[in-house]
Amino acid sequence: MLTVGDQFPSFSLKAVPAGQDGLKGDFQTISNKDDSGKWKLFFFWPMDFTFVCPTEIAAFSDLAKEFADRNTAVYGLSIDSEFVHLNWRLHNEQLKNLQIPMLADNKRELSSALGILHYEAGVNLRATFIVDPKGVIRHVSVNDLTVGRNPDEFIRIIDALQDGGLCPCNWHKGEATL
């Protein structure tokens, strides 16, 4: 698995756009070259039409403005196609008003390059990568398939990385660093 200090791989994937445009079926292509100069958070879920995944996706979407205020673009990805993502958004109330795009890694190219495919299930682990504006991975975390993430913690981590100081346990933006 790629880790802190590694360059995030190049990619170009179809996506269901954020907002109401995402419900129209007008897909877009998103690549590593998009959102140049921004921090990026990539969160992967195992597959669509599951139970834990929509709770995470909606929670990341709910914090889209908080991430944007930190010059951070958020991308959600699974191994499903853009057509499956669209169908899920159309049929799941939690996903209808997403403020983040859903990227389709159905060929498993990015997931394979990152090394986050579950060895038995063949789906993504619940992996999260924070990437700096130069494309360098600055944070990686991986949860078991059954355990959802806390998006607020990633806000805290981005704040700490952007602060640049020595940030103690439970540090929050505006507090003293070591």
N, C-alpha and C. Protein backbone atom coordinates (compact mmCIF):
# COMPACT_ATOMS: atom_id res chain seq x y z
N MET A 1 0.85 -1.17 0.00
CA MET A 1 0.00 0.00 0.00
C MET A 1 0.89 1.23 0.00
N LEU A 2 0.51 2.24 -0.81
CA LEU A 2 1.25 3.50 -0.78
C LEU A 2 1.03 4.16 0.57
N THR A 3 2.00 4.97 0.97
CA THR A 3 1.94 5.54 2.31
C THR A 3 2.44 6.98 2.31
N VAL A 4 2.56 7.54 3.48
CA VAL A 4 2.99 8.92 3.66
C VAL A 4 4.35 9.13 3.00
N GLY A 5 4.43 10.20 2.21
CA GLY A 5 5.66 10.53 1.50
C GLY A 5 5.67 10.06 0.06
N ASP A 6 4.81 9.11 -0.29
CA ASP A 6 4.71 8.63 -1.67
C ASP A 6 3.92 9.63 -2.51
N GLN A 7 4.20 9.62 -3.80
CA GLN A 7 3.43 10.43 -4.75
C GLN A 7 2.10 9.73 -5.02
N PHE A 8 1.01 10.48 -4.96
CA PHE A 8 -0.30 9.91 -5.28
C PHE A 8 -0.31 9.60 -6.77
N PRO A 9 -0.83 8.44 -7.16
CA PRO A 9 -0.79 8.04 -8.58
C PRO A 9 -1.61 8.95 -9.49
N SER A 10 -1.20 9.01 -10.74
CA SER A 10 -1.99 9.68 -11.77
C SER A 10 -3.25 8.87 -12.02
N PHE A 11 -4.35 9.57 -12.34
CA PHE A 11 -5.61 8.88 -12.63
C PHE A 11 -6.49 9.76 -13.49
N SER A 12 -7.42 9.17 -14.15
CA SER A 12 -8.48 9.86 -14.88
C SER A 12 -9.70 8.95 -14.82
N LEU A 13 -10.73 9.40 -14.10
CA LEU A 13 -11.90 8.56 -13.85
C LEU A 13 -13.20 9.30 -14.14
N LYS A 14 -14.20 8.56 -14.57
CA LYS A 14 -15.54 9.12 -14.74
C LYS A 14 -16.14 9.35 -13.35
N ALA A 15 -17.00 10.37 -13.28
CA ALA A 15 -17.58 10.71 -11.98
C ALA A 15 -19.01 11.22 -12.14
N VAL A 16 -19.78 11.01 -11.09
CA VAL A 16 -21.08 11.66 -10.95
C VAL A 16 -20.79 12.97 -10.23
N PRO A 17 -21.09 14.11 -10.86
CA PRO A 17 -20.75 15.40 -10.26
C PRO A 17 -21.48 15.66 -8.94
N ALA A 18 -20.98 16.61 -8.21
CA ALA A 18 -21.60 17.06 -6.97
C ALA A 18 -22.89 17.81 -7.28
N GLY A 19 -23.72 17.97 -6.27
CA GLY A 19 -24.92 18.77 -6.37
C GLY A 19 -26.01 18.14 -7.23
N GLN A 20 -26.98 18.95 -7.57
CA GLN A 20 -28.13 18.48 -8.35
C GLN A 20 -27.73 18.07 -9.77
N ASP A 21 -26.63 18.65 -10.28
CA ASP A 21 -26.16 18.25 -11.61
C ASP A 21 -25.83 16.77 -11.65
N GLY A 22 -25.44 16.22 -10.53
CA GLY A 22 -25.11 14.81 -10.46
C GLY A 22 -26.28 13.89 -10.71
N LEU A 23 -27.49 14.42 -10.58
CA LEU A 23 -28.69 13.60 -10.77
C LEU A 23 -29.17 13.61 -12.21
N LYS A 24 -28.51 14.37 -13.08
CA LYS A 24 -28.92 14.49 -14.48
C LYS A 24 -28.32 13.42 -15.38
N GLY A 25 -27.31 12.72 -14.90
CA GLY A 25 -26.66 11.72 -15.74
C GLY A 25 -25.60 12.29 -16.65
N ASP A 26 -25.22 13.55 -16.43
CA ASP A 26 -24.13 14.16 -17.19
C ASP A 26 -22.83 13.91 -16.43
N PHE A 27 -22.14 12.87 -16.82
CA PHE A 27 -20.92 12.50 -16.12
C PHE A 27 -19.78 13.43 -16.49
N GLN A 28 -18.79 13.50 -15.62
CA GLN A 28 -17.60 14.28 -15.89
C GLN A 28 -16.39 13.39 -15.70
N THR A 29 -15.27 13.82 -16.23
CA THR A 29 -14.01 13.12 -16.01
C THR A 29 -13.20 13.94 -15.04
N ILE A 30 -12.69 13.28 -14.01
CA ILE A 30 -11.85 13.93 -13.00
C ILE A 30 -10.50 13.23 -13.02
N SER A 31 -9.45 14.03 -13.00
CA SER A 31 -8.10 13.47 -12.99
C SER A 31 -7.29 14.10 -11.87
N ASN A 32 -6.08 13.56 -11.69
CA ASN A 32 -5.19 14.09 -10.67
C ASN A 32 -4.78 15.54 -10.98
N LYS A 33 -5.01 15.99 -12.20
CA LYS A 33 -4.65 17.36 -12.59
C LYS A 33 -5.73 18.37 -12.20
N ASP A 34 -6.93 17.89 -11.90
CA ASP A 34 -8.00 18.79 -11.47
C ASP A 34 -7.69 19.33 -10.08
N ASP A 35 -8.25 20.47 -9.79
CA ASP A 35 -8.07 21.12 -8.48
C ASP A 35 -6.60 21.34 -8.16
N SER A 36 -5.85 21.74 -9.17
CA SER A 36 -4.43 22.04 -9.01
C SER A 36 -4.24 23.11 -7.93
N GLY A 37 -3.22 22.92 -7.12
CA GLY A 37 -2.93 23.88 -6.05
C GLY A 37 -3.73 23.66 -4.78
N LYS A 38 -4.60 22.67 -4.79
CA LYS A 38 -5.40 22.38 -3.60
C LYS A 38 -4.90 21.13 -2.89
N TRP A 39 -5.23 21.04 -1.62
CA TRP A 39 -5.11 19.78 -0.90
C TRP A 39 -6.25 18.91 -1.41
N LYS A 40 -6.08 17.59 -1.30
CA LYS A 40 -7.11 16.67 -1.75
C LYS A 40 -7.31 15.57 -0.72
N LEU A 41 -8.56 15.22 -0.51
CA LEU A 41 -8.90 14.09 0.35
C LEU A 41 -9.64 13.09 -0.52
N PHE A 42 -9.12 11.88 -0.56
CA PHE A 42 -9.74 10.78 -1.28
C PHE A 42 -10.22 9.77 -0.26
N PHE A 43 -11.51 9.46 -0.29
CA PHE A 43 -11.99 8.39 0.59
C PHE A 43 -12.65 7.33 -0.26
N PHE A 44 -12.27 6.09 0.01
CA PHE A 44 -12.73 4.94 -0.74
C PHE A 44 -13.70 4.13 0.12
N TRP A 45 -14.76 3.65 -0.50
CA TRP A 45 -15.67 2.73 0.18
C TRP A 45 -15.74 1.44 -0.63
N PRO A 46 -16.16 0.34 0.00
CA PRO A 46 -16.13 -0.97 -0.68
C PRO A 46 -16.97 -1.03 -1.94
N MET A 47 -18.26 -0.73 -1.84
CA MET A 47 -19.13 -0.79 -3.01
C MET A 47 -20.45 -0.09 -2.70
N ASP A 48 -21.15 0.27 -3.76
CA ASP A 48 -22.43 0.96 -3.63
C ASP A 48 -23.53 0.01 -3.17
N PHE A 49 -24.63 0.58 -2.77
CA PHE A 49 -25.82 -0.15 -2.32
C PHE A 49 -25.51 -1.03 -1.10
N THR A 50 -24.72 -0.46 -0.21
CA THR A 50 -24.40 -1.14 1.05
C THR A 50 -24.93 -0.29 2.19
N PHE A 51 -24.56 -0.61 3.42
CA PHE A 51 -25.23 0.00 4.57
C PHE A 51 -24.40 1.05 5.30
N VAL A 52 -23.13 0.79 5.53
CA VAL A 52 -22.27 1.75 6.22
C VAL A 52 -21.87 2.88 5.27
N CYS A 53 -21.63 2.55 4.02
CA CYS A 53 -21.10 3.50 3.04
C CYS A 53 -21.91 4.79 2.91
N PRO A 54 -23.24 4.74 2.77
CA PRO A 54 -23.95 6.01 2.59
C PRO A 54 -23.86 6.92 3.81
N THR A 55 -23.70 6.35 4.99
CA THR A 55 -23.56 7.20 6.17
C THR A 55 -22.25 7.99 6.10
N GLU A 56 -21.19 7.35 5.62
CA GLU A 56 -19.90 8.04 5.48
C GLU A 56 -19.94 9.08 4.36
N ILE A 57 -20.48 8.68 3.22
CA ILE A 57 -20.51 9.58 2.07
C ILE A 57 -21.30 10.84 2.42
N ALA A 58 -22.46 10.68 3.03
CA ALA A 58 -23.27 11.83 3.42
C ALA A 58 -22.54 12.69 4.45
N ALA A 59 -21.83 12.07 5.38
CA ALA A 59 -21.11 12.83 6.40
C ALA A 59 -19.97 13.64 5.78
N PHE A 60 -19.23 13.06 4.83
CA PHE A 60 -18.19 13.83 4.14
C PHE A 60 -18.82 14.98 3.36
N SER A 61 -19.94 14.71 2.69
CA SER A 61 -20.63 15.74 1.92
C SER A 61 -21.10 16.88 2.83
N ASP A 62 -21.61 16.54 4.00
CA ASP A 62 -22.09 17.56 4.94
C ASP A 62 -20.97 18.52 5.35
N LEU A 63 -19.72 18.07 5.27
CA LEU A 63 -18.58 18.90 5.64
C LEU A 63 -17.87 19.51 4.43
N ALA A 64 -18.51 19.46 3.26
CA ALA A 64 -17.86 19.96 2.04
C ALA A 64 -17.40 21.40 2.18
N LYS A 65 -18.20 22.25 2.79
CA LYS A 65 -17.80 23.65 2.98
C LYS A 65 -16.61 23.77 3.92
N GLU A 66 -16.59 22.95 4.97
CA GLU A 66 -15.45 22.97 5.90
C GLU A 66 -14.16 22.58 5.18
N PHE A 67 -14.25 21.57 4.33
CA PHE A 67 -13.07 21.17 3.56
C PHE A 67 -12.68 22.27 2.58
N ALA A 68 -13.67 22.84 1.88
CA ALA A 68 -13.39 23.91 0.92
C ALA A 68 -12.73 25.11 1.60
N ASP A 69 -13.16 25.42 2.83
CA ASP A 69 -12.56 26.52 3.59
C ASP A 69 -11.08 26.26 3.88
N ARG A 70 -10.68 25.01 3.76
CA ARG A 70 -9.28 24.61 4.00
C ARG A 70 -8.56 24.33 2.68
N ASN A 71 -9.11 24.84 1.59
CA ASN A 71 -8.51 24.66 0.26
C ASN A 71 -8.32 23.17 -0.07
N THR A 72 -9.33 22.37 0.30
CA THR A 72 -9.25 20.92 0.13
C THR A 72 -10.43 20.42 -0.70
N ALA A 73 -10.11 19.73 -1.78
CA ALA A 73 -11.13 19.08 -2.61
C ALA A 73 -11.34 17.67 -2.08
N VAL A 74 -12.59 17.24 -2.02
CA VAL A 74 -12.93 15.91 -1.50
C VAL A 74 -13.50 15.06 -2.63
N TYR A 75 -12.97 13.84 -2.73
CA TYR A 75 -13.41 12.89 -3.74
C TYR A 75 -13.77 11.57 -3.07
N GLY A 76 -14.96 11.06 -3.37
CA GLY A 76 -15.36 9.74 -2.92
C GLY A 76 -15.25 8.75 -4.06
N LEU A 77 -14.77 7.55 -3.77
CA LEU A 77 -14.55 6.55 -4.81
C LEU A 77 -14.92 5.15 -4.35
N SER A 78 -15.41 4.38 -5.32
CA SER A 78 -15.56 2.94 -5.11
C SER A 78 -15.26 2.25 -6.43
N ILE A 79 -15.37 0.93 -6.42
CA ILE A 79 -15.09 0.14 -7.62
C ILE A 79 -16.30 0.09 -8.56
N ASP A 80 -17.39 0.73 -8.18
CA ASP A 80 -18.58 0.72 -9.03
C ASP A 80 -18.47 1.74 -10.15
N SER A 81 -19.25 1.55 -11.21
CA SER A 81 -19.23 2.46 -12.36
C SER A 81 -20.02 3.73 -12.04
N GLU A 82 -19.84 4.72 -12.89
CA GLU A 82 -20.59 5.97 -12.75
C GLU A 82 -22.09 5.73 -12.88
N PHE A 83 -22.50 4.72 -13.63
CA PHE A 83 -23.91 4.41 -13.79
C PHE A 83 -24.49 3.85 -12.50
N VAL A 84 -23.74 3.03 -11.82
CA VAL A 84 -24.18 2.49 -10.53
C VAL A 84 -24.23 3.61 -9.49
N HIS A 85 -23.20 4.49 -9.48
CA HIS A 85 -23.21 5.64 -8.56
C HIS A 85 -24.47 6.48 -8.78
N LEU A 86 -24.78 6.78 -10.04
CA LEU A 86 -25.96 7.61 -10.34
C LEU A 86 -27.23 6.92 -9.85
N ASN A 87 -27.37 5.65 -10.12
CA ASN A 87 -28.56 4.92 -9.68
C ASN A 87 -28.69 4.94 -8.16
N TRP A 88 -27.57 4.79 -7.47
CA TRP A 88 -27.59 4.81 -6.01
C TRP A 88 -28.02 6.19 -5.51
N ARG A 89 -27.46 7.24 -6.13
CA ARG A 89 -27.85 8.60 -5.72
C ARG A 89 -29.34 8.84 -5.95
N LEU A 90 -29.86 8.34 -7.05
CA LEU A 90 -31.26 8.56 -7.37
C LEU A 90 -32.20 7.83 -6.41
N HIS A 91 -31.72 6.74 -5.81
CA HIS A 91 -32.58 5.89 -4.99
C HIS A 91 -32.25 5.88 -3.50
N ASN A 92 -31.33 6.72 -3.08
CA ASN A 92 -30.98 6.78 -1.66
C ASN A 92 -31.09 8.23 -1.19
N GLU A 93 -32.02 8.50 -0.30
CA GLU A 93 -32.27 9.88 0.16
C GLU A 93 -31.02 10.53 0.73
N GLN A 94 -30.16 9.76 1.42
CA GLN A 94 -28.95 10.33 2.01
C GLN A 94 -27.99 10.87 0.95
N LEU A 95 -28.10 10.37 -0.29
CA LEU A 95 -27.12 10.70 -1.33
C LEU A 95 -27.64 11.67 -2.39
N LYS A 96 -28.89 12.05 -2.33
CA LYS A 96 -29.46 12.88 -3.39
C LYS A 96 -28.83 14.26 -3.50
N ASN A 97 -28.41 14.85 -2.41
CA ASN A 97 -27.89 16.22 -2.43
C ASN A 97 -26.40 16.28 -2.13
N LEU A 98 -25.66 15.31 -2.59
CA LEU A 98 -24.22 15.28 -2.30
C LEU A 98 -23.51 16.52 -2.82
N GLN A 99 -22.58 17.01 -2.04
CA GLN A 99 -21.77 18.17 -2.41
C GLN A 99 -20.36 17.77 -2.82
N ILE A 100 -20.17 16.49 -3.06
CA ILE A 100 -18.87 15.96 -3.49
C ILE A 100 -19.11 14.99 -4.64
N PRO A 101 -18.14 14.88 -5.55
CA PRO A 101 -18.32 13.93 -6.66
C PRO A 101 -18.07 12.50 -6.22
N MET A 102 -18.69 11.58 -6.95
CA MET A 102 -18.49 10.15 -6.73
C MET A 102 -17.72 9.61 -7.94
N LEU A 103 -16.47 9.22 -7.73
CA LEU A 103 -15.63 8.74 -8.83
C LEU A 103 -15.76 7.23 -8.98
N ALA A 104 -15.68 6.79 -10.23
CA ALA A 104 -15.86 5.38 -10.58
C ALA A 104 -14.51 4.75 -10.92
N ASP A 105 -14.04 3.87 -10.05
CA ASP A 105 -12.79 3.14 -10.29
C ASP A 105 -13.13 1.69 -10.64
N ASN A 106 -14.07 1.52 -11.59
CA ASN A 106 -14.58 0.18 -11.89
C ASN A 106 -13.53 -0.73 -12.52
N LYS A 107 -12.48 -0.17 -13.08
CA LYS A 107 -11.38 -1.01 -13.59
C LYS A 107 -10.36 -1.31 -12.49
N ARG A 108 -10.57 -0.72 -11.33
CA ARG A 108 -9.73 -0.92 -10.15
C ARG A 108 -8.27 -0.45 -10.37
N GLU A 109 -8.08 0.47 -11.29
CA GLU A 109 -6.73 0.95 -11.59
C GLU A 109 -6.15 1.77 -10.45
N LEU A 110 -6.89 2.76 -9.96
CA LEU A 110 -6.37 3.59 -8.87
C LEU A 110 -6.30 2.78 -7.57
N SER A 111 -7.32 2.00 -7.30
CA SER A 111 -7.33 1.17 -6.09
C SER A 111 -6.14 0.20 -6.08
N SER A 112 -5.84 -0.39 -7.23
CA SER A 112 -4.70 -1.30 -7.33
C SER A 112 -3.38 -0.56 -7.15
N ALA A 113 -3.27 0.61 -7.79
CA ALA A 113 -2.03 1.39 -7.66
C ALA A 113 -1.78 1.81 -6.22
N LEU A 114 -2.86 2.07 -5.48
CA LEU A 114 -2.73 2.46 -4.07
C LEU A 114 -2.53 1.25 -3.17
N GLY A 115 -2.91 0.06 -3.64
CA GLY A 115 -2.78 -1.15 -2.83
C GLY A 115 -3.86 -1.30 -1.78
N ILE A 116 -5.09 -0.88 -2.09
CA ILE A 116 -6.15 -0.89 -1.07
C ILE A 116 -7.28 -1.87 -1.36
N LEU A 117 -7.07 -2.80 -2.28
CA LEU A 117 -8.10 -3.79 -2.54
C LEU A 117 -8.04 -4.90 -1.49
N HIS A 118 -9.19 -5.23 -0.94
CA HIS A 118 -9.27 -6.32 0.04
C HIS A 118 -8.89 -7.62 -0.65
N TYR A 119 -7.99 -8.36 -0.06
CA TYR A 119 -7.42 -9.54 -0.71
C TYR A 119 -8.43 -10.65 -0.97
N GLU A 120 -9.50 -10.75 -0.20
CA GLU A 120 -10.51 -11.79 -0.44
C GLU A 120 -11.72 -11.25 -1.18
N ALA A 121 -12.23 -10.11 -0.74
CA ALA A 121 -13.48 -9.58 -1.29
C ALA A 121 -13.28 -8.87 -2.64
N GLY A 122 -12.07 -8.41 -2.93
CA GLY A 122 -11.81 -7.72 -4.19
C GLY A 122 -12.41 -6.34 -4.28
N VAL A 123 -12.83 -5.79 -3.15
CA VAL A 123 -13.39 -4.43 -3.10
C VAL A 123 -12.41 -3.54 -2.33
N ASN A 124 -12.65 -2.23 -2.41
CA ASN A 124 -11.79 -1.30 -1.66
C ASN A 124 -11.95 -1.48 -0.17
N LEU A 125 -10.86 -1.34 0.52
CA LEU A 125 -10.92 -1.15 1.96
C LEU A 125 -11.41 0.28 2.19
N ARG A 126 -11.82 0.60 3.38
CA ARG A 126 -12.23 1.97 3.72
C ARG A 126 -10.97 2.81 3.95
N ALA A 127 -10.32 3.15 2.86
CA ALA A 127 -9.06 3.88 2.92
C ALA A 127 -9.30 5.37 2.69
N THR A 128 -8.50 6.18 3.37
CA THR A 128 -8.55 7.63 3.21
C THR A 128 -7.14 8.15 3.02
N PHE A 129 -6.97 8.99 2.01
CA PHE A 129 -5.67 9.60 1.70
C PHE A 129 -5.83 11.11 1.69
N ILE A 130 -4.94 11.80 2.39
CA ILE A 130 -4.85 13.25 2.30
C ILE A 130 -3.58 13.55 1.53
N VAL A 131 -3.73 14.35 0.47
CA VAL A 131 -2.65 14.62 -0.47
C VAL A 131 -2.42 16.13 -0.51
N ASP A 132 -1.16 16.54 -0.43
CA ASP A 132 -0.85 17.98 -0.44
C ASP A 132 -0.89 18.53 -1.87
N PRO A 133 -0.81 19.84 -2.05
CA PRO A 133 -0.90 20.43 -3.39
C PRO A 133 0.18 19.96 -4.37
N LYS A 134 1.26 19.37 -3.88
CA LYS A 134 2.31 18.85 -4.76
C LYS A 134 2.08 17.39 -5.13
N GLY A 135 0.98 16.81 -4.66
CA GLY A 135 0.64 15.42 -4.99
C GLY A 135 1.27 14.39 -4.07
N VAL A 136 1.80 14.84 -2.94
CA VAL A 136 2.46 13.94 -1.99
C VAL A 136 1.45 13.50 -0.93
N ILE A 137 1.39 12.21 -0.69
CA ILE A 137 0.50 11.68 0.35
C ILE A 137 1.03 12.11 1.71
N ARG A 138 0.17 12.76 2.49
CA ARG A 138 0.56 13.25 3.81
C ARG A 138 -0.14 12.52 4.95
N HIS A 139 -1.20 11.78 4.63
CA HIS A 139 -1.90 10.98 5.65
C HIS A 139 -2.59 9.81 4.95
N VAL A 140 -2.56 8.66 5.61
CA VAL A 140 -3.26 7.47 5.15
C VAL A 140 -3.90 6.80 6.36
N SER A 141 -5.14 6.38 6.20
CA SER A 141 -5.76 5.54 7.22
C SER A 141 -6.64 4.53 6.51
N VAL A 142 -6.78 3.37 7.14
CA VAL A 142 -7.59 2.30 6.56
C VAL A 142 -8.42 1.66 7.67
N ASN A 143 -9.71 1.56 7.43
CA ASN A 143 -10.61 0.90 8.37
C ASN A 143 -11.02 -0.45 7.81
N ASP A 144 -11.39 -1.34 8.70
CA ASP A 144 -11.99 -2.61 8.32
C ASP A 144 -13.26 -2.33 7.52
N LEU A 145 -13.68 -3.28 6.73
CA LEU A 145 -14.87 -3.10 5.90
C LEU A 145 -16.11 -2.76 6.70
N THR A 146 -16.17 -3.18 7.96
CA THR A 146 -17.38 -3.01 8.75
C THR A 146 -17.42 -1.72 9.57
N VAL A 147 -16.32 -0.93 9.56
CA VAL A 147 -16.23 0.22 10.46
C VAL A 147 -16.16 1.53 9.67
N GLY A 148 -17.15 2.39 9.89
CA GLY A 148 -17.18 3.70 9.24
C GLY A 148 -16.20 4.68 9.85
N ARG A 149 -15.89 5.72 9.08
CA ARG A 149 -14.94 6.76 9.51
C ARG A 149 -15.64 7.95 10.12
N ASN A 150 -14.86 8.78 10.80
CA ASN A 150 -15.34 10.04 11.36
C ASN A 150 -14.75 11.18 10.53
N PRO A 151 -15.51 11.78 9.61
CA PRO A 151 -14.96 12.84 8.76
C PRO A 151 -14.42 14.04 9.54
N ASP A 152 -14.96 14.31 10.72
CA ASP A 152 -14.44 15.43 11.53
C ASP A 152 -12.96 15.25 11.84
N GLU A 153 -12.51 14.03 12.04
CA GLU A 153 -11.10 13.78 12.34
C GLU A 153 -10.22 14.19 11.16
N PHE A 154 -10.71 14.04 9.94
CA PHE A 154 -9.91 14.42 8.78
C PHE A 154 -9.81 15.94 8.65
N ILE A 155 -10.82 16.66 9.09
CA ILE A 155 -10.73 18.12 9.17
C ILE A 155 -9.59 18.48 10.12
N ARG A 156 -9.56 17.84 11.28
CA ARG A 156 -8.52 18.12 12.28
C ARG A 156 -7.14 17.80 11.72
N ILE A 157 -7.02 16.68 11.02
CA ILE A 157 -5.72 16.29 10.46
C ILE A 157 -5.27 17.28 9.39
N ILE A 158 -6.18 17.71 8.53
CA ILE A 158 -5.83 18.71 7.52
C ILE A 158 -5.39 20.01 8.19
N ASP A 159 -6.12 20.44 9.21
CA ASP A 159 -5.71 21.64 9.95
C ASP A 159 -4.29 21.49 10.49
N ALA A 160 -4.00 20.34 11.06
CA ALA A 160 -2.68 20.10 11.64
C ALA A 160 -1.60 20.09 10.56
N LEU A 161 -1.86 19.42 9.45
CA LEU A 161 -0.88 19.37 8.37
C LEU A 161 -0.64 20.76 7.79
N GLN A 162 -1.69 21.53 7.63
CA GLN A 162 -1.55 22.87 7.09
C GLN A 162 -0.90 23.83 8.08
N ASP A 163 -1.05 23.58 9.37
CA ASP A 163 -0.42 24.41 10.39
C ASP A 163 1.10 24.29 10.32
N GLY A 164 1.57 23.06 10.12
CA GLY A 164 3.00 22.84 9.99
C GLY A 164 3.76 22.71 11.29
N GLY A 165 3.09 22.94 12.42
CA GLY A 165 3.77 22.81 13.71
C GLY A 165 3.69 21.38 14.24
N LEU A 166 4.24 21.19 15.41
CA LEU A 166 4.13 19.90 16.09
C LEU A 166 2.81 19.91 16.85
N CYS A 167 1.84 19.17 16.35
CA CYS A 167 0.49 19.21 16.88
C CYS A 167 0.26 18.02 17.81
N PRO A 168 0.00 18.31 19.09
CA PRO A 168 -0.19 17.21 20.05
C PRO A 168 -1.53 16.50 19.84
N CYS A 169 -1.68 15.41 20.54
CA CYS A 169 -2.91 14.63 20.54
C CYS A 169 -4.10 15.54 20.82
N ASN A 170 -5.16 15.35 20.09
CA ASN A 170 -6.42 16.09 20.24
C ASN A 170 -6.31 17.59 19.95
N TRP A 171 -5.22 17.99 19.29
CA TRP A 171 -5.03 19.39 18.91
C TRP A 171 -6.12 19.83 17.95
N HIS A 172 -6.54 21.09 18.07
CA HIS A 172 -7.48 21.68 17.13
C HIS A 172 -6.97 23.04 16.68
N LYS A 173 -7.36 23.41 15.48
CA LYS A 173 -6.93 24.68 14.88
C LYS A 173 -7.11 25.84 15.86
N GLY A 174 -6.08 26.65 15.96
CA GLY A 174 -6.10 27.79 16.86
C GLY A 174 -5.43 27.52 18.19
N GLU A 175 -5.24 26.26 18.53
CA GLU A 175 -4.56 25.93 19.77
C GLU A 175 -3.05 25.99 19.56
N ALA A 176 -2.33 26.10 20.66
CA ALA A 176 -0.88 26.16 20.60
C ALA A 176 -0.30 24.82 20.13
N THR A 177 0.76 24.91 19.36
CA THR A 177 1.49 23.71 18.97
C THR A 177 2.69 23.58 19.90
N LEU A 178 3.39 22.48 19.79
CA LEU A 178 4.53 22.24 20.67
C LEU A 178 5.79 22.89 20.14
